[in-house]
N, C-alpha and C. Protein backbone atom coordinates (compact mmCIF):
# COMPACT_ATOMS: atom_id res chain seq x y z
N MET A 1 44.23 42.59 12.13
CA MET A 1 45.55 42.61 11.49
C MET A 1 45.78 43.99 10.87
N PRO A 2 46.97 44.58 11.06
CA PRO A 2 47.26 45.89 10.45
C PRO A 2 47.10 45.85 8.93
N MET A 3 46.64 46.96 8.37
CA MET A 3 46.35 47.00 6.93
C MET A 3 47.58 46.70 6.08
N LEU A 4 48.76 47.16 6.52
CA LEU A 4 49.98 46.89 5.75
C LEU A 4 50.22 45.39 5.63
N GLN A 5 50.00 44.65 6.71
CA GLN A 5 50.22 43.21 6.66
C GLN A 5 49.19 42.52 5.77
N ILE A 6 47.96 43.02 5.79
CA ILE A 6 46.95 42.46 4.89
C ILE A 6 47.39 42.65 3.44
N LYS A 7 47.87 43.84 3.13
CA LYS A 7 48.35 44.11 1.77
C LYS A 7 49.51 43.18 1.42
N LEU A 8 50.43 43.04 2.34
CA LEU A 8 51.63 42.24 2.11
C LEU A 8 51.28 40.78 1.84
N TYR A 9 50.42 40.22 2.69
CA TYR A 9 50.09 38.81 2.55
C TYR A 9 49.17 38.56 1.35
N MET A 10 48.22 39.44 1.13
CA MET A 10 47.30 39.25 0.00
C MET A 10 48.04 39.38 -1.33
N TYR A 11 48.96 40.31 -1.42
CA TYR A 11 49.72 40.47 -2.67
C TYR A 11 50.47 39.17 -2.99
N GLN A 12 51.09 38.58 -1.98
CA GLN A 12 51.84 37.35 -2.20
C GLN A 12 50.92 36.17 -2.55
N LEU A 13 49.72 36.17 -1.98
CA LEU A 13 48.76 35.12 -2.34
C LEU A 13 48.34 35.28 -3.80
N PHE A 14 48.08 36.51 -4.23
CA PHE A 14 47.73 36.73 -5.64
C PHE A 14 48.90 36.34 -6.55
N ARG A 15 50.10 36.65 -6.11
CA ARG A 15 51.28 36.29 -6.91
C ARG A 15 51.39 34.77 -7.04
N SER A 16 51.11 34.05 -5.95
CA SER A 16 51.12 32.58 -5.99
C SER A 16 50.08 32.07 -6.98
N LEU A 17 48.87 32.65 -6.92
CA LEU A 17 47.81 32.20 -7.83
C LEU A 17 48.15 32.52 -9.28
N ALA A 18 48.72 33.71 -9.51
CA ALA A 18 49.09 34.07 -10.88
C ALA A 18 50.04 33.03 -11.46
N TYR A 19 50.95 32.55 -10.63
CA TYR A 19 51.93 31.56 -11.11
C TYR A 19 51.27 30.22 -11.40
N ILE A 20 50.52 29.67 -10.44
CA ILE A 20 49.96 28.34 -10.66
C ILE A 20 48.86 28.36 -11.73
N HIS A 21 48.10 29.46 -11.81
CA HIS A 21 47.06 29.53 -12.84
C HIS A 21 47.66 29.60 -14.23
N THR A 22 48.83 30.22 -14.35
CA THR A 22 49.52 30.25 -15.65
C THR A 22 49.87 28.83 -16.10
N LEU A 23 50.11 27.96 -15.14
CA LEU A 23 50.43 26.56 -15.44
C LEU A 23 49.17 25.71 -15.61
N GLY A 24 47.99 26.34 -15.47
CA GLY A 24 46.74 25.60 -15.60
C GLY A 24 46.31 24.90 -14.33
N ILE A 25 47.01 25.17 -13.23
CA ILE A 25 46.72 24.50 -11.96
C ILE A 25 45.72 25.32 -11.15
N CYS A 26 44.68 24.66 -10.69
CA CYS A 26 43.72 25.27 -9.77
C CYS A 26 43.95 24.66 -8.39
N HIS A 27 44.14 25.49 -7.38
CA HIS A 27 44.45 24.99 -6.04
C HIS A 27 43.24 24.27 -5.42
N ARG A 28 42.07 24.89 -5.52
CA ARG A 28 40.78 24.33 -5.11
C ARG A 28 40.59 24.20 -3.60
N ASP A 29 41.48 24.80 -2.81
CA ASP A 29 41.25 24.80 -1.36
C ASP A 29 41.96 25.98 -0.70
N ILE A 30 41.77 27.17 -1.28
CA ILE A 30 42.35 28.37 -0.69
C ILE A 30 41.59 28.70 0.59
N LYS A 31 42.29 28.78 1.70
CA LYS A 31 41.71 29.14 2.99
C LYS A 31 42.85 29.54 3.92
N PRO A 32 42.55 30.24 5.02
CA PRO A 32 43.64 30.70 5.90
C PRO A 32 44.54 29.57 6.40
N GLN A 33 43.96 28.39 6.64
CA GLN A 33 44.77 27.28 7.16
C GLN A 33 45.81 26.79 6.17
N ASN A 34 45.68 27.15 4.91
CA ASN A 34 46.64 26.71 3.89
C ASN A 34 47.61 27.82 3.49
N LEU A 35 47.74 28.81 4.35
CA LEU A 35 48.69 29.89 4.13
C LEU A 35 49.71 29.88 5.26
N LEU A 36 50.98 29.77 4.90
CA LEU A 36 52.06 29.78 5.89
C LEU A 36 52.65 31.18 5.94
N LEU A 37 52.65 31.78 7.12
CA LEU A 37 53.12 33.16 7.28
C LEU A 37 54.35 33.21 8.16
N ASN A 38 55.30 34.06 7.80
CA ASN A 38 56.45 34.36 8.65
C ASN A 38 56.37 35.84 9.00
N PRO A 39 55.88 36.19 10.20
CA PRO A 39 55.70 37.60 10.54
C PRO A 39 57.01 38.36 10.66
N VAL A 40 58.13 37.66 10.85
CA VAL A 40 59.43 38.34 10.98
C VAL A 40 59.90 38.84 9.62
N THR A 41 59.77 38.00 8.59
CA THR A 41 60.23 38.38 7.24
C THR A 41 59.09 38.92 6.37
N GLY A 42 57.83 38.69 6.79
CA GLY A 42 56.70 39.14 6.00
C GLY A 42 56.39 38.26 4.81
N ILE A 43 56.93 37.04 4.80
CA ILE A 43 56.75 36.15 3.64
C ILE A 43 55.54 35.24 3.84
N LEU A 44 54.77 35.05 2.77
CA LEU A 44 53.64 34.11 2.75
C LEU A 44 53.94 33.01 1.74
N LYS A 45 53.58 31.79 2.11
CA LYS A 45 53.69 30.66 1.19
C LYS A 45 52.34 29.94 1.13
N LEU A 46 51.90 29.60 -0.07
CA LEU A 46 50.68 28.83 -0.26
C LEU A 46 51.03 27.35 -0.16
N CYS A 47 50.28 26.60 0.65
CA CYS A 47 50.63 25.19 0.86
C CYS A 47 49.40 24.30 0.65
N ASP A 48 49.59 23.01 0.85
CA ASP A 48 48.57 21.96 0.75
C ASP A 48 47.92 21.92 -0.63
N PHE A 49 48.60 21.27 -1.54
CA PHE A 49 48.08 21.12 -2.90
C PHE A 49 47.37 19.77 -3.08
N GLY A 50 46.86 19.22 -1.96
CA GLY A 50 46.20 17.92 -2.01
C GLY A 50 44.92 17.90 -2.82
N SER A 51 44.27 19.06 -2.97
CA SER A 51 43.04 19.14 -3.77
C SER A 51 43.29 19.77 -5.14
N ALA A 52 44.53 20.15 -5.41
CA ALA A 52 44.84 20.87 -6.65
C ALA A 52 44.68 19.97 -7.87
N LYS A 53 44.39 20.61 -9.00
CA LYS A 53 44.19 19.85 -10.24
C LYS A 53 44.52 20.73 -11.42
N ILE A 54 45.11 20.12 -12.45
CA ILE A 54 45.26 20.82 -13.73
C ILE A 54 43.91 20.75 -14.43
N LEU A 55 43.28 21.91 -14.61
CA LEU A 55 41.97 21.94 -15.25
C LEU A 55 42.11 21.90 -16.77
N VAL A 56 41.37 21.02 -17.40
CA VAL A 56 41.40 20.88 -18.85
C VAL A 56 40.02 21.23 -19.39
N ALA A 57 39.96 22.17 -20.32
CA ALA A 57 38.68 22.61 -20.89
C ALA A 57 37.92 21.42 -21.48
N GLY A 58 36.65 21.32 -21.12
CA GLY A 58 35.82 20.23 -21.63
C GLY A 58 35.79 19.00 -20.76
N GLU A 59 36.74 18.89 -19.83
CA GLU A 59 36.76 17.74 -18.92
C GLU A 59 36.03 18.11 -17.63
N PRO A 60 35.07 17.30 -17.18
CA PRO A 60 34.33 17.63 -15.95
C PRO A 60 35.20 17.47 -14.71
N ASN A 61 34.86 18.23 -13.68
CA ASN A 61 35.55 18.17 -12.40
C ASN A 61 34.52 17.99 -11.29
N VAL A 62 34.93 17.45 -10.16
CA VAL A 62 33.99 17.31 -9.05
C VAL A 62 33.64 18.70 -8.52
N SER A 63 32.37 18.90 -8.17
CA SER A 63 31.95 20.20 -7.65
C SER A 63 32.06 20.27 -6.13
N TYR A 64 32.06 19.07 -5.48
CA TYR A 64 32.16 19.10 -4.02
C TYR A 64 33.63 19.19 -3.64
N ILE A 65 34.14 20.41 -3.73
CA ILE A 65 35.56 20.67 -3.49
C ILE A 65 35.65 22.03 -2.81
N CYS A 66 36.73 22.28 -2.11
CA CYS A 66 36.97 23.56 -1.45
C CYS A 66 36.23 23.62 -0.11
N SER A 67 36.89 24.14 0.91
CA SER A 67 36.28 24.25 2.23
C SER A 67 35.10 25.22 2.19
N ARG A 68 34.05 24.89 2.95
CA ARG A 68 32.74 25.52 2.77
C ARG A 68 32.74 27.04 2.78
N TYR A 69 33.34 27.68 3.78
CA TYR A 69 33.27 29.14 3.90
C TYR A 69 33.89 29.85 2.69
N TYR A 70 34.73 29.13 1.95
CA TYR A 70 35.50 29.75 0.86
C TYR A 70 35.07 29.20 -0.51
N ARG A 71 33.95 28.47 -0.52
CA ARG A 71 33.50 27.79 -1.74
C ARG A 71 32.78 28.76 -2.66
N ALA A 72 33.22 28.82 -3.91
CA ALA A 72 32.61 29.72 -4.89
C ALA A 72 31.17 29.30 -5.17
N PRO A 73 30.29 30.25 -5.50
CA PRO A 73 28.88 29.91 -5.70
C PRO A 73 28.64 28.92 -6.82
N GLU A 74 29.47 28.93 -7.87
CA GLU A 74 29.26 27.97 -8.95
C GLU A 74 29.47 26.53 -8.46
N LEU A 75 30.33 26.35 -7.45
CA LEU A 75 30.52 25.03 -6.86
C LEU A 75 29.28 24.62 -6.07
N ILE A 76 28.70 25.58 -5.35
CA ILE A 76 27.48 25.30 -4.58
C ILE A 76 26.35 24.92 -5.54
N PHE A 77 26.34 25.54 -6.71
CA PHE A 77 25.33 25.22 -7.72
C PHE A 77 25.64 23.91 -8.46
N GLY A 78 26.73 23.27 -8.11
CA GLY A 78 27.03 21.96 -8.69
C GLY A 78 27.73 21.99 -10.03
N ALA A 79 28.34 23.12 -10.38
CA ALA A 79 29.03 23.21 -11.67
C ALA A 79 30.22 22.24 -11.70
N THR A 80 30.43 21.63 -12.86
CA THR A 80 31.58 20.73 -13.03
C THR A 80 32.55 21.25 -14.09
N ASN A 81 32.19 22.37 -14.71
CA ASN A 81 33.04 22.95 -15.77
C ASN A 81 33.66 24.27 -15.30
N TYR A 82 33.95 24.35 -14.01
CA TYR A 82 34.48 25.59 -13.44
C TYR A 82 35.92 25.83 -13.86
N THR A 83 36.40 27.03 -13.55
CA THR A 83 37.76 27.44 -13.93
C THR A 83 38.55 27.83 -12.69
N THR A 84 39.76 28.33 -12.92
CA THR A 84 40.59 28.78 -11.81
C THR A 84 39.97 29.98 -11.09
N ASN A 85 38.88 30.53 -11.62
CA ASN A 85 38.20 31.63 -10.95
C ASN A 85 37.64 31.23 -9.59
N ILE A 86 37.50 29.92 -9.34
CA ILE A 86 37.04 29.51 -8.00
C ILE A 86 38.09 29.88 -6.95
N ASP A 87 39.37 29.84 -7.32
CA ASP A 87 40.43 30.26 -6.39
C ASP A 87 40.34 31.75 -6.08
N VAL A 88 39.94 32.52 -7.08
CA VAL A 88 39.83 33.98 -6.90
C VAL A 88 38.73 34.29 -5.89
N TRP A 89 37.60 33.61 -6.02
CA TRP A 89 36.51 33.79 -5.04
C TRP A 89 37.01 33.48 -3.63
N SER A 90 37.66 32.32 -3.48
CA SER A 90 38.17 31.92 -2.17
C SER A 90 39.12 32.96 -1.60
N THR A 91 39.95 33.53 -2.47
CA THR A 91 40.91 34.54 -2.03
C THR A 91 40.19 35.80 -1.56
N GLY A 92 39.09 36.16 -2.23
CA GLY A 92 38.28 37.28 -1.77
C GLY A 92 37.72 37.03 -0.38
N CYS A 93 37.30 35.79 -0.13
CA CYS A 93 36.80 35.42 1.20
C CYS A 93 37.90 35.52 2.25
N VAL A 94 39.11 35.09 1.89
CA VAL A 94 40.24 35.18 2.82
C VAL A 94 40.56 36.63 3.14
N MET A 95 40.60 37.48 2.12
CA MET A 95 40.90 38.90 2.35
C MET A 95 39.85 39.53 3.25
N ALA A 96 38.59 39.23 3.00
CA ALA A 96 37.52 39.77 3.85
C ALA A 96 37.68 39.30 5.29
N GLU A 97 38.07 38.05 5.46
CA GLU A 97 38.24 37.49 6.81
C GLU A 97 39.41 38.16 7.54
N LEU A 98 40.48 38.45 6.83
CA LEU A 98 41.61 39.14 7.45
C LEU A 98 41.17 40.51 7.97
N MET A 99 40.27 41.16 7.26
CA MET A 99 39.84 42.50 7.63
C MET A 99 38.75 42.48 8.70
N LEU A 100 37.93 41.44 8.70
CA LEU A 100 36.83 41.36 9.66
C LEU A 100 37.22 40.64 10.95
N GLY A 101 38.19 39.75 10.85
CA GLY A 101 38.54 38.93 12.01
C GLY A 101 37.63 37.72 12.15
N GLN A 102 36.77 37.48 11.16
CA GLN A 102 35.88 36.33 11.15
C GLN A 102 35.44 36.08 9.71
N PRO A 103 34.95 34.86 9.39
CA PRO A 103 34.54 34.58 8.01
C PRO A 103 33.41 35.49 7.55
N LEU A 104 33.44 35.86 6.28
CA LEU A 104 32.39 36.70 5.71
C LEU A 104 31.13 35.89 5.44
N PHE A 105 31.30 34.63 5.03
CA PHE A 105 30.16 33.78 4.69
C PHE A 105 30.21 32.49 5.54
N PRO A 106 29.81 32.53 6.81
CA PRO A 106 29.94 31.35 7.68
C PRO A 106 28.76 30.40 7.58
N GLY A 107 28.59 29.75 6.44
CA GLY A 107 27.47 28.83 6.24
C GLY A 107 27.64 27.55 7.04
N GLU A 108 26.52 27.02 7.52
CA GLU A 108 26.55 25.79 8.32
C GLU A 108 26.33 24.54 7.47
N SER A 109 25.96 24.73 6.21
CA SER A 109 25.78 23.61 5.28
C SER A 109 25.95 24.17 3.88
N GLY A 110 25.91 23.30 2.88
CA GLY A 110 26.07 23.77 1.51
C GLY A 110 25.02 24.80 1.12
N ILE A 111 23.74 24.51 1.43
CA ILE A 111 22.67 25.44 1.09
C ILE A 111 22.77 26.70 1.93
N ASP A 112 23.06 26.54 3.22
CA ASP A 112 23.19 27.72 4.08
C ASP A 112 24.33 28.61 3.62
N GLN A 113 25.35 28.01 3.02
CA GLN A 113 26.46 28.80 2.49
C GLN A 113 25.96 29.75 1.40
N LEU A 114 25.10 29.24 0.53
CA LEU A 114 24.53 30.09 -0.52
C LEU A 114 23.66 31.20 0.10
N VAL A 115 22.92 30.86 1.15
CA VAL A 115 22.10 31.86 1.83
C VAL A 115 22.98 32.97 2.39
N GLU A 116 24.10 32.60 3.01
CA GLU A 116 25.02 33.61 3.58
C GLU A 116 25.57 34.53 2.49
N ILE A 117 25.87 33.96 1.34
CA ILE A 117 26.38 34.76 0.22
C ILE A 117 25.31 35.73 -0.28
N ILE A 118 24.09 35.22 -0.43
CA ILE A 118 22.99 36.06 -0.93
C ILE A 118 22.68 37.18 0.05
N LYS A 119 22.81 36.92 1.35
CA LYS A 119 22.55 37.96 2.35
C LYS A 119 23.49 39.15 2.19
N VAL A 120 24.67 38.90 1.66
CA VAL A 120 25.66 39.98 1.47
C VAL A 120 25.59 40.53 0.05
N LEU A 121 25.64 39.66 -0.95
CA LEU A 121 25.73 40.11 -2.34
C LEU A 121 24.37 40.31 -3.01
N GLY A 122 23.30 39.89 -2.33
CA GLY A 122 21.99 39.97 -2.95
C GLY A 122 21.71 38.75 -3.81
N THR A 123 20.49 38.63 -4.28
CA THR A 123 20.10 37.50 -5.11
C THR A 123 20.76 37.60 -6.49
N PRO A 124 21.37 36.52 -6.96
CA PRO A 124 21.96 36.58 -8.31
C PRO A 124 20.87 36.71 -9.37
N THR A 125 21.19 37.42 -10.44
CA THR A 125 20.25 37.56 -11.55
C THR A 125 20.20 36.26 -12.35
N ARG A 126 19.21 36.17 -13.21
CA ARG A 126 19.08 34.99 -14.07
C ARG A 126 20.33 34.80 -14.92
N GLU A 127 20.87 35.90 -15.43
CA GLU A 127 22.07 35.83 -16.26
C GLU A 127 23.27 35.37 -15.45
N GLN A 128 23.37 35.84 -14.20
CA GLN A 128 24.49 35.40 -13.35
C GLN A 128 24.38 33.92 -13.04
N ILE A 129 23.17 33.46 -12.77
CA ILE A 129 22.98 32.02 -12.50
C ILE A 129 23.37 31.20 -13.72
N LYS A 130 23.05 31.71 -14.90
CA LYS A 130 23.40 31.01 -16.15
C LYS A 130 24.90 30.79 -16.25
N THR A 131 25.69 31.77 -15.82
CA THR A 131 27.15 31.64 -15.91
C THR A 131 27.71 30.67 -14.88
N MET A 132 26.93 30.40 -13.82
CA MET A 132 27.40 29.49 -12.77
C MET A 132 26.95 28.06 -13.05
N ASN A 133 25.66 27.89 -13.35
CA ASN A 133 25.13 26.58 -13.74
C ASN A 133 23.76 26.78 -14.38
N PRO A 134 23.67 26.66 -15.72
CA PRO A 134 22.41 26.93 -16.43
C PRO A 134 21.24 26.08 -15.94
N ASN A 135 21.52 24.94 -15.31
CA ASN A 135 20.45 24.06 -14.86
C ASN A 135 19.58 24.69 -13.77
N TYR A 136 20.08 25.75 -13.15
CA TYR A 136 19.34 26.39 -12.06
C TYR A 136 18.65 27.68 -12.50
N MET A 137 18.61 27.95 -13.79
CA MET A 137 18.07 29.23 -14.26
C MET A 137 16.59 29.40 -13.94
N GLU A 138 15.83 28.32 -13.89
CA GLU A 138 14.39 28.42 -13.63
C GLU A 138 14.08 28.33 -12.14
N HIS A 139 15.09 28.14 -11.33
CA HIS A 139 14.88 28.03 -9.88
C HIS A 139 14.50 29.40 -9.32
N LYS A 140 13.52 29.42 -8.43
CA LYS A 140 13.07 30.68 -7.83
C LYS A 140 13.81 30.94 -6.52
N PHE A 141 14.48 32.07 -6.45
CA PHE A 141 15.19 32.47 -5.24
C PHE A 141 14.48 33.67 -4.61
N PRO A 142 14.49 33.77 -3.28
CA PRO A 142 13.93 34.97 -2.65
C PRO A 142 14.72 36.20 -3.09
N GLN A 143 14.02 37.28 -3.39
CA GLN A 143 14.69 38.49 -3.88
C GLN A 143 15.23 39.31 -2.70
N ILE A 144 16.53 39.32 -2.57
CA ILE A 144 17.20 40.03 -1.48
C ILE A 144 18.16 41.05 -2.08
N LYS A 145 18.13 42.26 -1.54
CA LYS A 145 19.03 43.30 -2.03
C LYS A 145 20.42 43.13 -1.43
N PRO A 146 21.47 43.54 -2.16
CA PRO A 146 22.83 43.43 -1.61
C PRO A 146 23.01 44.32 -0.39
N HIS A 147 23.86 43.87 0.51
CA HIS A 147 24.20 44.63 1.72
C HIS A 147 25.49 45.38 1.42
N PRO A 148 25.50 46.70 1.46
CA PRO A 148 26.71 47.45 1.07
C PRO A 148 27.93 47.05 1.91
N PHE A 149 29.06 46.89 1.23
CA PHE A 149 30.29 46.53 1.93
C PHE A 149 30.67 47.55 2.99
N ASN A 150 30.38 48.83 2.75
CA ASN A 150 30.77 49.84 3.74
C ASN A 150 29.96 49.74 5.02
N LYS A 151 28.89 48.91 5.01
CA LYS A 151 28.13 48.65 6.24
C LYS A 151 28.63 47.38 6.93
N ILE A 152 29.37 46.56 6.19
CA ILE A 152 29.87 45.29 6.73
C ILE A 152 31.24 45.47 7.36
N PHE A 153 32.10 46.24 6.69
CA PHE A 153 33.47 46.42 7.16
C PHE A 153 33.58 47.69 8.01
N ARG A 154 34.65 47.78 8.76
CA ARG A 154 34.85 48.93 9.65
C ARG A 154 34.88 50.23 8.86
N SER A 155 34.47 51.30 9.51
CA SER A 155 34.35 52.60 8.83
C SER A 155 35.70 53.10 8.32
N ARG A 156 36.80 52.67 8.94
CA ARG A 156 38.13 53.13 8.52
C ARG A 156 38.70 52.31 7.36
N THR A 157 37.96 51.34 6.88
CA THR A 157 38.46 50.49 5.80
C THR A 157 38.67 51.31 4.53
N PRO A 158 39.87 51.24 3.93
CA PRO A 158 40.14 52.01 2.71
C PRO A 158 39.17 51.63 1.59
N PRO A 159 38.65 52.59 0.85
CA PRO A 159 37.74 52.27 -0.26
C PRO A 159 38.37 51.36 -1.29
N GLU A 160 39.70 51.45 -1.46
CA GLU A 160 40.38 50.57 -2.42
C GLU A 160 40.25 49.10 -2.00
N ALA A 161 40.25 48.85 -0.69
CA ALA A 161 40.11 47.48 -0.20
C ALA A 161 38.72 46.94 -0.53
N LEU A 162 37.70 47.76 -0.32
CA LEU A 162 36.33 47.33 -0.61
C LEU A 162 36.16 47.10 -2.11
N GLU A 163 36.78 47.94 -2.91
CA GLU A 163 36.69 47.80 -4.36
C GLU A 163 37.35 46.51 -4.82
N LEU A 164 38.48 46.18 -4.22
CA LEU A 164 39.18 44.95 -4.59
C LEU A 164 38.35 43.73 -4.20
N ILE A 165 37.82 43.72 -2.98
CA ILE A 165 37.00 42.58 -2.55
C ILE A 165 35.79 42.42 -3.44
N ALA A 166 35.16 43.54 -3.81
CA ALA A 166 33.98 43.47 -4.69
C ALA A 166 34.34 42.86 -6.04
N GLY A 167 35.54 43.14 -6.53
CA GLY A 167 35.98 42.60 -7.81
C GLY A 167 36.33 41.12 -7.75
N LEU A 168 36.59 40.62 -6.55
CA LEU A 168 36.90 39.21 -6.37
C LEU A 168 35.64 38.39 -6.15
N LEU A 169 34.67 38.99 -5.45
CA LEU A 169 33.45 38.28 -5.08
C LEU A 169 32.31 38.62 -6.05
N GLU A 170 32.54 38.34 -7.30
CA GLU A 170 31.53 38.51 -8.35
C GLU A 170 30.84 37.17 -8.58
N TYR A 171 29.51 37.18 -8.70
CA TYR A 171 28.81 35.93 -9.02
C TYR A 171 29.30 35.35 -10.34
N THR A 172 29.38 36.18 -11.37
CA THR A 172 29.80 35.70 -12.69
C THR A 172 31.29 35.40 -12.67
N PRO A 173 31.69 34.14 -12.79
CA PRO A 173 33.11 33.79 -12.66
C PRO A 173 34.03 34.59 -13.58
N GLY A 174 33.61 34.80 -14.83
CA GLY A 174 34.45 35.51 -15.78
C GLY A 174 34.60 36.99 -15.51
N ASN A 175 33.77 37.53 -14.62
CA ASN A 175 33.85 38.95 -14.28
C ASN A 175 34.75 39.22 -13.08
N ARG A 176 35.22 38.17 -12.43
CA ARG A 176 36.11 38.36 -11.28
C ARG A 176 37.48 38.85 -11.75
N PHE A 177 38.14 39.62 -10.90
CA PHE A 177 39.51 40.01 -11.19
C PHE A 177 40.36 38.76 -11.39
N THR A 178 41.31 38.83 -12.29
CA THR A 178 42.34 37.79 -12.34
C THR A 178 43.36 38.10 -11.25
N PRO A 179 44.20 37.14 -10.87
CA PRO A 179 45.24 37.46 -9.89
C PRO A 179 46.12 38.63 -10.33
N ILE A 180 46.43 38.72 -11.63
CA ILE A 180 47.27 39.83 -12.10
C ILE A 180 46.51 41.14 -12.03
N ASP A 181 45.20 41.13 -12.35
CA ASP A 181 44.38 42.33 -12.15
C ASP A 181 44.51 42.81 -10.71
N ALA A 182 44.41 41.86 -9.79
CA ALA A 182 44.47 42.22 -8.37
C ALA A 182 45.84 42.78 -7.98
N MET A 183 46.90 42.20 -8.53
CA MET A 183 48.25 42.63 -8.17
C MET A 183 48.53 44.08 -8.56
N VAL A 184 47.88 44.57 -9.63
CA VAL A 184 48.12 45.95 -10.07
C VAL A 184 47.07 46.90 -9.50
N HIS A 185 46.22 46.41 -8.61
CA HIS A 185 45.16 47.24 -8.03
C HIS A 185 45.76 48.31 -7.11
N PRO A 186 45.16 49.50 -7.07
CA PRO A 186 45.68 50.59 -6.21
C PRO A 186 45.78 50.22 -4.73
N PHE A 187 45.04 49.22 -4.28
CA PHE A 187 45.13 48.81 -2.88
C PHE A 187 46.56 48.48 -2.49
N PHE A 188 47.36 48.01 -3.45
CA PHE A 188 48.73 47.57 -3.15
C PHE A 188 49.79 48.64 -3.41
N HIS A 189 49.39 49.86 -3.72
CA HIS A 189 50.37 50.90 -4.05
C HIS A 189 51.39 51.11 -2.93
N GLU A 190 50.97 50.99 -1.68
CA GLU A 190 51.90 51.22 -0.56
C GLU A 190 53.09 50.28 -0.63
N LEU A 191 52.89 49.08 -1.13
CA LEU A 191 53.97 48.10 -1.20
C LEU A 191 55.03 48.50 -2.22
N ARG A 192 54.66 49.36 -3.16
CA ARG A 192 55.60 49.78 -4.21
C ARG A 192 56.45 50.97 -3.76
N ASN A 193 56.16 51.51 -2.61
CA ASN A 193 56.94 52.62 -2.06
C ASN A 193 58.22 52.07 -1.43
N PRO A 194 59.40 52.44 -1.93
CA PRO A 194 60.65 51.88 -1.38
C PRO A 194 60.87 52.22 0.09
N GLU A 195 60.13 53.20 0.60
CA GLU A 195 60.29 53.59 2.01
C GLU A 195 59.45 52.72 2.95
N THR A 196 58.53 51.94 2.40
CA THR A 196 57.65 51.12 3.24
C THR A 196 58.45 50.03 3.95
N ARG A 197 58.18 49.86 5.23
CA ARG A 197 58.88 48.87 6.04
C ARG A 197 57.89 47.98 6.78
N LEU A 198 58.35 46.79 7.17
CA LEU A 198 57.56 45.91 8.01
C LEU A 198 57.38 46.55 9.38
N PRO A 199 56.38 46.09 10.16
CA PRO A 199 56.19 46.65 11.51
C PRO A 199 57.44 46.56 12.39
N ASN A 200 58.31 45.57 12.12
CA ASN A 200 59.55 45.43 12.92
C ASN A 200 60.69 46.29 12.38
N GLY A 201 60.41 47.10 11.35
CA GLY A 201 61.42 47.99 10.79
C GLY A 201 62.23 47.39 9.66
N LYS A 202 62.07 46.10 9.40
CA LYS A 202 62.84 45.45 8.32
C LYS A 202 62.25 45.80 6.96
N GLU A 203 63.07 45.61 5.91
CA GLU A 203 62.60 45.84 4.55
C GLU A 203 61.57 44.79 4.16
N LEU A 204 60.71 45.15 3.20
CA LEU A 204 59.74 44.19 2.69
C LEU A 204 60.46 43.08 1.93
N PRO A 205 59.86 41.89 1.86
CA PRO A 205 60.47 40.84 1.02
C PRO A 205 60.46 41.29 -0.44
N PRO A 206 61.24 40.64 -1.31
CA PRO A 206 61.33 41.06 -2.73
C PRO A 206 60.05 40.70 -3.50
N LEU A 207 59.04 41.53 -3.36
CA LEU A 207 57.73 41.25 -3.95
C LEU A 207 57.70 41.38 -5.46
N PHE A 208 58.59 42.20 -6.00
CA PHE A 208 58.49 42.56 -7.42
C PHE A 208 59.63 42.00 -8.25
N ASN A 209 60.29 40.97 -7.72
CA ASN A 209 61.32 40.28 -8.49
C ASN A 209 60.65 39.10 -9.20
N PHE A 210 60.42 39.24 -10.50
CA PHE A 210 59.70 38.23 -11.25
C PHE A 210 60.63 37.40 -12.13
N THR A 211 61.93 37.42 -11.85
CA THR A 211 62.86 36.61 -12.63
C THR A 211 62.69 35.14 -12.25
N PRO A 212 62.90 34.21 -13.19
CA PRO A 212 62.76 32.79 -12.87
C PRO A 212 63.75 32.39 -11.79
N LEU A 213 63.37 31.38 -11.01
CA LEU A 213 64.27 30.88 -9.96
C LEU A 213 65.46 30.18 -10.58
């Protein structure tokens, strides 16, 4: 997919998340199949809220949620007190997939999913595990070094894109970019240029109109 379209669609996905997260809603199933795209107008819509939930602090939630390739590590660790940051992780996986043309973490089972993540991000530290699920802090994991993103993605990939993905795919949920953090990231600067056009020559959709409907 051309880089401009990745920017266009990802920005709108972050904008969708910023809106629903402000309302306390966690989608809990962000994946490519739940994104509706119109290539003529460049508009993206987030759909399928069948797994969505208003998260309430202190109330437990089911951990077996979210499609496997896009499942945040705290869910794999069985956390029930997770936050909307699980959507941010999933969105990082979607962005990586748009750039690679295939899933970044194609696990064949729940445990294999964690193995795929560790193969890329390296073994989580004890402190990182504590933020995901303290019950696993004494568990022994094989020590694997992170695989640099610039070795995973194509050589022409903009460094801003790699930086954004790295900020989304953080083990520690609270260290991940918020959707608004992502929206102001330099990766999206091209969209703010009034001269930027869609591949078909049409103007971009109104990405920066934040007035209420």
